[in-house]
N, C-alpha and C. Protein backbone atom coordinates (compact mmCIF):
# COMPACT_ATOMS: atom_id res chain seq x y z
N VAL A 1 0.85 -1.18 0.00
CA VAL A 1 0.00 0.00 0.00
C VAL A 1 0.89 1.24 0.00
N SER A 2 0.48 2.20 -0.73
CA SER A 2 1.20 3.45 -0.86
C SER A 2 0.76 4.44 0.21
N VAL A 3 1.47 5.55 0.30
CA VAL A 3 1.01 6.63 1.17
C VAL A 3 -0.30 7.16 0.58
N PRO A 4 -1.16 7.75 1.41
CA PRO A 4 -2.48 8.19 0.92
C PRO A 4 -2.41 9.44 0.05
N ILE A 5 -1.97 9.25 -1.20
CA ILE A 5 -1.84 10.38 -2.12
C ILE A 5 -3.17 10.77 -2.76
N ASN A 6 -4.19 9.94 -2.53
CA ASN A 6 -5.53 10.27 -3.01
C ASN A 6 -6.55 9.69 -2.02
N LEU A 7 -7.81 10.00 -2.24
CA LEU A 7 -8.84 9.56 -1.31
C LEU A 7 -9.02 8.04 -1.30
N SER A 8 -8.78 7.39 -2.43
CA SER A 8 -8.90 5.93 -2.48
C SER A 8 -7.85 5.27 -1.59
N LEU A 9 -6.61 5.74 -1.68
CA LEU A 9 -5.54 5.16 -0.85
C LEU A 9 -5.67 5.56 0.61
N ASN A 10 -6.28 6.71 0.86
CA ASN A 10 -6.48 7.14 2.25
C ASN A 10 -7.30 6.12 3.03
N ARG A 11 -8.20 5.43 2.36
CA ARG A 11 -9.09 4.46 3.03
C ARG A 11 -8.32 3.35 3.73
N PHE A 12 -7.10 3.07 3.26
CA PHE A 12 -6.30 2.01 3.87
C PHE A 12 -5.68 2.43 5.21
N TYR A 13 -5.92 3.67 5.62
CA TYR A 13 -5.36 4.18 6.87
C TYR A 13 -6.44 4.76 7.78
N THR A 14 -7.65 4.27 7.64
CA THR A 14 -8.78 4.83 8.40
C THR A 14 -9.25 3.88 9.51
N ILE A 15 -10.02 4.45 10.42
CA ILE A 15 -10.64 3.65 11.48
C ILE A 15 -11.49 2.54 10.86
N GLU A 16 -12.22 2.87 9.82
CA GLU A 16 -13.10 1.89 9.18
C GLU A 16 -12.31 0.70 8.63
N PHE A 17 -11.20 0.99 7.94
CA PHE A 17 -10.39 -0.09 7.36
C PHE A 17 -9.71 -0.92 8.46
N PHE A 18 -9.12 -0.23 9.43
CA PHE A 18 -8.45 -0.95 10.52
C PHE A 18 -9.44 -1.82 11.30
N SER A 19 -10.67 -1.36 11.43
CA SER A 19 -11.70 -2.17 12.11
C SER A 19 -11.98 -3.45 11.33
N LYS A 20 -12.04 -3.36 10.01
CA LYS A 20 -12.24 -4.55 9.17
C LYS A 20 -11.04 -5.50 9.29
N VAL A 21 -9.85 -4.95 9.31
CA VAL A 21 -8.64 -5.78 9.47
C VAL A 21 -8.70 -6.52 10.80
N LYS A 22 -9.07 -5.81 11.86
CA LYS A 22 -9.14 -6.42 13.19
C LYS A 22 -10.13 -7.59 13.22
N GLU A 23 -11.25 -7.45 12.51
CA GLU A 23 -12.23 -8.53 12.45
C GLU A 23 -11.64 -9.82 11.88
N HIS A 24 -10.65 -9.71 11.03
CA HIS A 24 -10.07 -10.87 10.35
C HIS A 24 -8.81 -11.40 11.02
N LEU A 25 -8.32 -10.71 12.04
CA LEU A 25 -7.12 -11.16 12.74
C LEU A 25 -7.45 -12.29 13.72
N ASN A 26 -6.58 -13.26 13.78
CA ASN A 26 -6.69 -14.27 14.83
C ASN A 26 -6.37 -13.62 16.16
N LYS A 27 -6.78 -14.24 17.26
CA LYS A 27 -6.47 -13.73 18.58
C LYS A 27 -4.95 -13.63 18.72
N GLY A 28 -4.46 -12.47 19.07
CA GLY A 28 -3.01 -12.25 19.18
C GLY A 28 -2.35 -11.98 17.85
N GLY A 29 -3.15 -11.84 16.78
CA GLY A 29 -2.60 -11.55 15.46
C GLY A 29 -2.01 -10.15 15.40
N ILE A 30 -1.16 -9.95 14.42
CA ILE A 30 -0.49 -8.66 14.26
C ILE A 30 -0.67 -8.18 12.83
N VAL A 31 -0.97 -6.90 12.68
CA VAL A 31 -1.00 -6.26 11.37
C VAL A 31 0.17 -5.27 11.35
N SER A 32 0.81 -5.16 10.19
CA SER A 32 1.97 -4.29 10.08
C SER A 32 2.01 -3.61 8.71
N PHE A 33 2.51 -2.39 8.69
CA PHE A 33 2.75 -1.67 7.45
C PHE A 33 3.80 -0.60 7.73
N SER A 34 4.35 -0.05 6.67
CA SER A 34 5.41 0.95 6.80
C SER A 34 5.08 2.20 5.99
N LEU A 35 5.64 3.30 6.43
CA LEU A 35 5.54 4.54 5.68
C LEU A 35 6.95 5.09 5.47
N PRO A 36 7.18 5.74 4.33
CA PRO A 36 8.53 6.18 3.98
C PRO A 36 8.98 7.46 4.68
N PHE A 37 9.01 7.41 6.00
CA PHE A 37 9.53 8.52 6.79
C PHE A 37 10.65 7.98 7.66
N SER A 38 11.66 8.77 7.86
CA SER A 38 12.80 8.35 8.66
C SER A 38 12.65 8.83 10.10
N ASP A 39 13.16 8.03 11.04
CA ASP A 39 13.13 8.45 12.43
C ASP A 39 14.21 9.48 12.73
N VAL A 40 15.15 9.67 11.82
CA VAL A 40 16.24 10.62 12.04
C VAL A 40 15.72 12.05 11.97
N TYR A 41 14.86 12.32 10.99
CA TYR A 41 14.26 13.64 10.86
C TYR A 41 12.82 13.48 10.39
N LEU A 42 11.93 14.11 11.08
CA LEU A 42 10.52 14.12 10.68
C LEU A 42 10.08 15.56 10.48
N SER A 43 9.67 15.90 9.27
CA SER A 43 9.11 17.23 9.03
C SER A 43 7.81 17.36 9.81
N SER A 44 7.29 18.55 9.89
CA SER A 44 6.04 18.74 10.63
C SER A 44 4.90 17.93 10.00
N GLU A 45 4.89 17.83 8.66
CA GLU A 45 3.85 17.04 8.00
C GLU A 45 4.03 15.55 8.28
N ALA A 46 5.27 15.07 8.24
CA ALA A 46 5.54 13.66 8.53
C ALA A 46 5.13 13.33 9.97
N ARG A 47 5.40 14.24 10.88
CA ARG A 47 5.01 14.04 12.28
C ARG A 47 3.48 13.96 12.38
N ARG A 48 2.79 14.83 11.66
CA ARG A 48 1.32 14.78 11.67
C ARG A 48 0.81 13.45 11.15
N TYR A 49 1.43 12.95 10.08
CA TYR A 49 1.09 11.64 9.54
C TYR A 49 1.20 10.57 10.62
N VAL A 50 2.37 10.52 11.24
CA VAL A 50 2.64 9.49 12.25
C VAL A 50 1.64 9.60 13.39
N PHE A 51 1.39 10.81 13.85
CA PHE A 51 0.44 11.01 14.95
C PHE A 51 -0.97 10.59 14.54
N LEU A 52 -1.40 10.97 13.35
CA LEU A 52 -2.74 10.61 12.88
C LEU A 52 -2.91 9.10 12.80
N ILE A 53 -1.93 8.43 12.23
CA ILE A 53 -2.03 6.98 12.09
C ILE A 53 -1.92 6.29 13.44
N LYS A 54 -1.04 6.78 14.30
CA LYS A 54 -0.93 6.22 15.65
C LYS A 54 -2.26 6.35 16.38
N ASN A 55 -2.85 7.53 16.37
CA ASN A 55 -4.14 7.74 17.05
C ASN A 55 -5.23 6.86 16.46
N THR A 56 -5.24 6.72 15.14
CA THR A 56 -6.24 5.90 14.47
C THR A 56 -6.09 4.44 14.85
N LEU A 57 -4.86 3.93 14.83
CA LEU A 57 -4.61 2.54 15.23
C LEU A 57 -5.00 2.31 16.69
N GLN A 58 -4.65 3.26 17.57
CA GLN A 58 -4.94 3.10 18.99
C GLN A 58 -6.44 3.11 19.28
N LYS A 59 -7.22 3.72 18.42
CA LYS A 59 -8.67 3.71 18.59
C LYS A 59 -9.24 2.32 18.32
N VAL A 60 -8.57 1.54 17.46
CA VAL A 60 -9.08 0.23 17.04
C VAL A 60 -8.41 -0.93 17.76
N PHE A 61 -7.10 -0.86 17.93
CA PHE A 61 -6.33 -1.99 18.46
C PHE A 61 -5.92 -1.78 19.92
N GLU A 62 -5.76 -2.89 20.63
CA GLU A 62 -5.38 -2.85 22.03
C GLU A 62 -3.89 -2.54 22.22
N ASP A 63 -3.06 -2.92 21.26
CA ASP A 63 -1.61 -2.75 21.37
C ASP A 63 -1.07 -2.18 20.07
N VAL A 64 -0.32 -1.10 20.16
CA VAL A 64 0.27 -0.45 18.99
C VAL A 64 1.73 -0.16 19.29
N ALA A 65 2.61 -0.50 18.35
CA ALA A 65 4.03 -0.17 18.46
C ALA A 65 4.48 0.44 17.15
N ILE A 66 5.34 1.42 17.24
CA ILE A 66 5.89 2.07 16.05
C ILE A 66 7.40 1.97 16.14
N TYR A 67 7.99 1.27 15.17
CA TYR A 67 9.43 1.02 15.17
C TYR A 67 10.14 2.03 14.28
N PRO A 68 11.24 2.58 14.76
CA PRO A 68 12.01 3.54 13.97
C PRO A 68 12.83 2.84 12.88
N GLY A 69 13.28 3.62 11.92
CA GLY A 69 14.12 3.10 10.85
C GLY A 69 14.09 4.03 9.66
N GLU A 70 14.66 3.56 8.53
CA GLU A 70 14.59 4.36 7.30
C GLU A 70 13.13 4.52 6.88
N TYR A 71 12.35 3.51 7.16
CA TYR A 71 10.90 3.58 7.06
C TYR A 71 10.37 3.43 8.47
N ILE A 72 9.26 4.08 8.77
CA ILE A 72 8.64 3.91 10.07
C ILE A 72 7.66 2.74 9.96
N HIS A 73 7.82 1.77 10.84
CA HIS A 73 7.02 0.55 10.79
C HIS A 73 5.97 0.58 11.90
N PHE A 74 4.71 0.41 11.50
CA PHE A 74 3.59 0.39 12.42
C PHE A 74 3.18 -1.06 12.65
N PHE A 75 2.95 -1.43 13.91
CA PHE A 75 2.47 -2.75 14.27
C PHE A 75 1.27 -2.57 15.19
N ALA A 76 0.26 -3.41 15.01
CA ALA A 76 -0.92 -3.35 15.88
C ALA A 76 -1.41 -4.76 16.13
N SER A 77 -1.91 -4.98 17.35
CA SER A 77 -2.43 -6.29 17.73
C SER A 77 -3.74 -6.12 18.47
N ASN A 78 -4.57 -7.16 18.40
CA ASN A 78 -5.85 -7.11 19.08
C ASN A 78 -5.76 -7.57 20.53
N ILE A 79 -4.55 -7.86 21.02
CA ILE A 79 -4.34 -8.23 22.41
C ILE A 79 -3.19 -7.39 22.97
N LYS A 80 -3.38 -6.84 24.14
CA LYS A 80 -2.35 -6.06 24.82
C LYS A 80 -1.19 -6.97 25.21
N GLY A 81 0.05 -6.47 25.05
CA GLY A 81 1.23 -7.20 25.49
C GLY A 81 1.86 -8.10 24.45
N VAL A 82 1.30 -8.15 23.25
CA VAL A 82 1.86 -8.99 22.19
C VAL A 82 3.11 -8.33 21.60
N LEU A 83 3.08 -7.02 21.46
CA LEU A 83 4.17 -6.29 20.82
C LEU A 83 5.23 -5.89 21.84
N THR A 84 6.48 -5.82 21.36
CA THR A 84 7.58 -5.45 22.23
C THR A 84 8.63 -4.69 21.45
N TYR A 85 9.42 -3.92 22.16
CA TYR A 85 10.58 -3.25 21.56
C TYR A 85 11.87 -4.00 21.92
N ASP A 86 11.75 -5.11 22.61
CA ASP A 86 12.90 -5.91 23.03
C ASP A 86 13.36 -6.79 21.86
N TYR A 87 14.45 -6.39 21.21
CA TYR A 87 14.91 -7.11 20.03
C TYR A 87 15.30 -8.55 20.34
N LYS A 88 15.79 -8.81 21.54
CA LYS A 88 16.16 -10.18 21.91
C LYS A 88 14.92 -11.08 21.98
N LYS A 89 13.85 -10.55 22.55
CA LYS A 89 12.61 -11.32 22.65
C LYS A 89 12.02 -11.59 21.26
N ILE A 90 12.11 -10.61 20.38
CA ILE A 90 11.61 -10.79 19.01
C ILE A 90 12.40 -11.89 18.31
N GLU A 91 13.71 -11.86 18.44
CA GLU A 91 14.56 -12.86 17.81
C GLU A 91 14.30 -14.25 18.40
N GLU A 92 14.14 -14.34 19.71
CA GLU A 92 13.82 -15.63 20.35
C GLU A 92 12.50 -16.19 19.82
N THR A 93 11.50 -15.34 19.72
CA THR A 93 10.19 -15.77 19.22
C THR A 93 10.30 -16.25 17.78
N ARG A 94 11.07 -15.54 16.98
CA ARG A 94 11.27 -15.94 15.58
C ARG A 94 11.88 -17.33 15.50
N ILE A 95 12.89 -17.59 16.32
CA ILE A 95 13.57 -18.89 16.31
C ILE A 95 12.64 -20.00 16.81
N VAL A 96 11.95 -19.74 17.93
CA VAL A 96 11.05 -20.74 18.51
C VAL A 96 9.95 -21.13 17.52
N ARG A 97 9.43 -20.14 16.81
CA ARG A 97 8.34 -20.41 15.86
C ARG A 97 8.84 -20.92 14.51
N GLY A 98 10.16 -20.97 14.35
CA GLY A 98 10.72 -21.47 13.09
C GLY A 98 10.47 -20.56 11.91
N ILE A 99 10.43 -19.26 12.17
CA ILE A 99 10.19 -18.29 11.10
C ILE A 99 11.51 -17.99 10.40
N SER A 100 11.55 -18.27 9.12
CA SER A 100 12.75 -18.03 8.33
C SER A 100 12.68 -16.63 7.72
N THR A 101 13.78 -15.89 7.80
CA THR A 101 13.83 -14.56 7.22
C THR A 101 15.08 -14.43 6.35
N ASN A 102 14.98 -13.64 5.31
CA ASN A 102 16.14 -13.38 4.46
C ASN A 102 16.90 -12.14 4.89
N PHE A 103 16.21 -11.14 5.41
CA PHE A 103 16.83 -9.86 5.71
C PHE A 103 16.87 -9.51 7.19
N ILE A 104 15.96 -10.02 7.95
CA ILE A 104 15.89 -9.67 9.36
C ILE A 104 16.78 -10.62 10.16
N ARG A 105 17.79 -10.06 10.77
CA ARG A 105 18.72 -10.80 11.62
C ARG A 105 18.84 -10.07 12.95
N GLU A 106 19.46 -10.72 13.93
CA GLU A 106 19.56 -10.11 15.25
C GLU A 106 20.27 -8.76 15.20
N TYR A 107 21.34 -8.65 14.39
CA TYR A 107 22.06 -7.37 14.32
C TYR A 107 21.18 -6.27 13.73
N PHE A 108 20.29 -6.65 12.81
CA PHE A 108 19.36 -5.69 12.22
C PHE A 108 18.39 -5.19 13.29
N LEU A 109 17.83 -6.13 14.06
CA LEU A 109 16.91 -5.76 15.13
C LEU A 109 17.62 -4.94 16.20
N PHE A 110 18.85 -5.31 16.53
CA PHE A 110 19.61 -4.57 17.52
C PHE A 110 19.77 -3.11 17.09
N ASP A 111 20.05 -2.90 15.81
CA ASP A 111 20.20 -1.53 15.30
C ASP A 111 18.88 -0.79 15.34
N ARG A 112 17.84 -1.39 14.79
CA ARG A 112 16.54 -0.72 14.71
C ARG A 112 15.90 -0.49 16.07
N LEU A 113 16.11 -1.43 16.98
CA LEU A 113 15.42 -1.36 18.26
C LEU A 113 16.39 -1.14 19.43
N SER A 114 17.50 -0.49 19.14
CA SER A 114 18.42 -0.19 20.24
C SER A 114 17.69 0.72 21.23
N PRO A 115 17.94 0.55 22.51
CA PRO A 115 17.23 1.37 23.51
C PRO A 115 17.37 2.87 23.25
N PHE A 116 18.54 3.31 22.80
CA PHE A 116 18.74 4.73 22.52
C PHE A 116 17.85 5.21 21.38
N ARG A 117 17.81 4.45 20.30
CA ARG A 117 17.01 4.83 19.13
C ARG A 117 15.52 4.82 19.45
N VAL A 118 15.07 3.78 20.13
CA VAL A 118 13.65 3.68 20.48
C VAL A 118 13.26 4.80 21.44
N SER A 119 14.11 5.08 22.42
CA SER A 119 13.83 6.14 23.39
C SER A 119 13.70 7.50 22.71
N ASN A 120 14.62 7.80 21.81
CA ASN A 120 14.55 9.08 21.10
C ASN A 120 13.29 9.17 20.24
N PHE A 121 12.95 8.09 19.58
CA PHE A 121 11.78 8.09 18.73
C PHE A 121 10.50 8.21 19.56
N GLN A 122 10.45 7.54 20.69
CA GLN A 122 9.27 7.62 21.55
C GLN A 122 9.09 9.02 22.13
N LYS A 123 10.19 9.75 22.34
CA LYS A 123 10.07 11.14 22.79
C LYS A 123 9.33 11.97 21.74
N ILE A 124 9.65 11.73 20.48
CA ILE A 124 8.96 12.43 19.39
C ILE A 124 7.48 12.08 19.40
N LEU A 125 7.18 10.80 19.59
CA LEU A 125 5.79 10.36 19.55
C LEU A 125 4.98 10.87 20.73
N ARG A 126 5.62 11.11 21.85
CA ARG A 126 4.90 11.62 23.04
C ARG A 126 4.49 13.06 22.88
N GLU A 127 5.08 13.76 21.92
CA GLU A 127 4.77 15.18 21.74
C GLU A 127 3.38 15.42 21.18
N ASP A 128 2.73 14.38 20.73
CA ASP A 128 1.39 14.52 20.15
C ASP A 128 0.37 14.75 21.25
N THR A 129 -0.32 15.86 21.15
CA THR A 129 -1.38 16.15 22.12
C THR A 129 -2.76 16.09 21.46
N SER A 130 -2.77 15.98 20.14
CA SER A 130 -4.05 15.93 19.44
C SER A 130 -4.64 14.53 19.55
N LYS A 131 -5.90 14.45 19.36
CA LYS A 131 -6.58 13.14 19.34
C LYS A 131 -7.21 12.93 17.96
N ASN A 132 -6.70 13.66 16.95
CA ASN A 132 -7.24 13.53 15.60
C ASN A 132 -7.01 12.14 15.05
N MET A 133 -8.00 11.67 14.30
CA MET A 133 -7.91 10.35 13.68
C MET A 133 -8.33 10.47 12.22
N ASN A 134 -7.91 9.50 11.45
CA ASN A 134 -8.21 9.46 10.02
C ASN A 134 -9.43 8.57 9.79
N THR A 135 -10.42 9.11 9.10
CA THR A 135 -11.63 8.33 8.80
C THR A 135 -11.99 8.52 7.32
N ASN A 136 -12.92 7.70 6.85
CA ASN A 136 -13.37 7.84 5.46
C ASN A 136 -13.97 9.22 5.20
N PHE A 137 -14.72 9.74 6.17
CA PHE A 137 -15.40 11.01 5.97
C PHE A 137 -14.63 12.20 6.54
N ARG A 138 -13.49 11.94 7.10
CA ARG A 138 -12.59 13.00 7.56
C ARG A 138 -11.16 12.54 7.22
N PRO A 139 -10.80 12.61 5.93
CA PRO A 139 -9.54 12.04 5.43
C PRO A 139 -8.32 12.92 5.73
N LEU A 140 -7.97 13.00 6.99
CA LEU A 140 -6.90 13.91 7.40
C LEU A 140 -5.53 13.51 6.84
N CYS A 141 -5.27 12.21 6.70
CA CYS A 141 -3.98 11.79 6.13
C CYS A 141 -3.84 12.28 4.69
N PHE A 142 -4.92 12.22 3.95
CA PHE A 142 -4.89 12.72 2.57
C PHE A 142 -4.60 14.22 2.55
N TRP A 143 -5.22 14.98 3.44
CA TRP A 143 -4.99 16.43 3.48
C TRP A 143 -3.55 16.74 3.89
N VAL A 144 -3.02 15.99 4.83
CA VAL A 144 -1.61 16.19 5.23
C VAL A 144 -0.69 15.86 4.07
N GLU A 145 -1.02 14.81 3.31
CA GLU A 145 -0.23 14.44 2.13
C GLU A 145 -0.24 15.57 1.09
N MET A 146 -1.39 16.19 0.88
CA MET A 146 -1.47 17.29 -0.09
C MET A 146 -0.59 18.46 0.36
N ILE A 147 -0.62 18.79 1.63
CA ILE A 147 0.23 19.87 2.16
C ILE A 147 1.70 19.51 2.01
N PHE A 148 2.04 18.27 2.33
CA PHE A 148 3.41 17.78 2.23
C PHE A 148 3.92 17.93 0.80
N ARG A 149 3.14 17.48 -0.18
CA ARG A 149 3.54 17.57 -1.59
C ARG A 149 3.63 19.02 -2.05
N ALA A 150 2.68 19.85 -1.66
CA ALA A 150 2.68 21.25 -2.06
C ALA A 150 3.93 21.96 -1.55
N LYS A 151 4.34 21.67 -0.33
CA LYS A 151 5.55 22.29 0.22
C LYS A 151 6.79 21.82 -0.52
N GLN A 152 6.83 20.55 -0.92
CA GLN A 152 7.98 20.06 -1.68
C GLN A 152 8.10 20.78 -3.01
N PHE A 153 6.98 20.91 -3.73
CA PHE A 153 7.03 21.56 -5.03
C PHE A 153 7.26 23.07 -4.90
N ARG A 154 6.76 23.67 -3.87
CA ARG A 154 7.01 25.09 -3.65
C ARG A 154 8.49 25.35 -3.51
N ASP A 155 9.19 24.46 -2.79
CA ASP A 155 10.62 24.62 -2.60
C ASP A 155 11.38 24.42 -3.90
N ILE A 156 10.90 23.56 -4.78
CA ILE A 156 11.57 23.29 -6.05
C ILE A 156 11.32 24.43 -7.03
N VAL A 157 10.07 24.87 -7.14
CA VAL A 157 9.69 25.89 -8.10
C VAL A 157 10.20 27.26 -7.68
N GLY A 158 10.21 27.49 -6.38
CA GLY A 158 10.73 28.77 -5.88
C GLY A 158 9.64 29.63 -5.48
């Protein structure tokens, strides 16, 4: 799924869509997706995106985690306590369940989920005081995307 560059794609980031996803998850199931924003620097529009999606996920799911990286990874579960930022626990679970991966290794998780990196990223996420959410009839992610694109082109055109 792409970023919500139009109203059709915005639907994949709404309370309505996440509610449908939750209906189809097994108990303790996890849904995940990524957005192309870096945890190193978040523009004001990117921060609004992250906050909107975080608030929307938290309205539907019992457990939400957002992992830093070159892409910001969102995870949500229908049971509290399923998600963790502990890279060792994630690696142990992967091994116990026999999950084979081509790219995800312990050193990768250590880098992405180092306590320093997670702590800094969570400080950014705590700054959100709004309770705005993205819905089909209030497509705030789409509007933030339009502002984001307009600012990029304004800087290019002059």
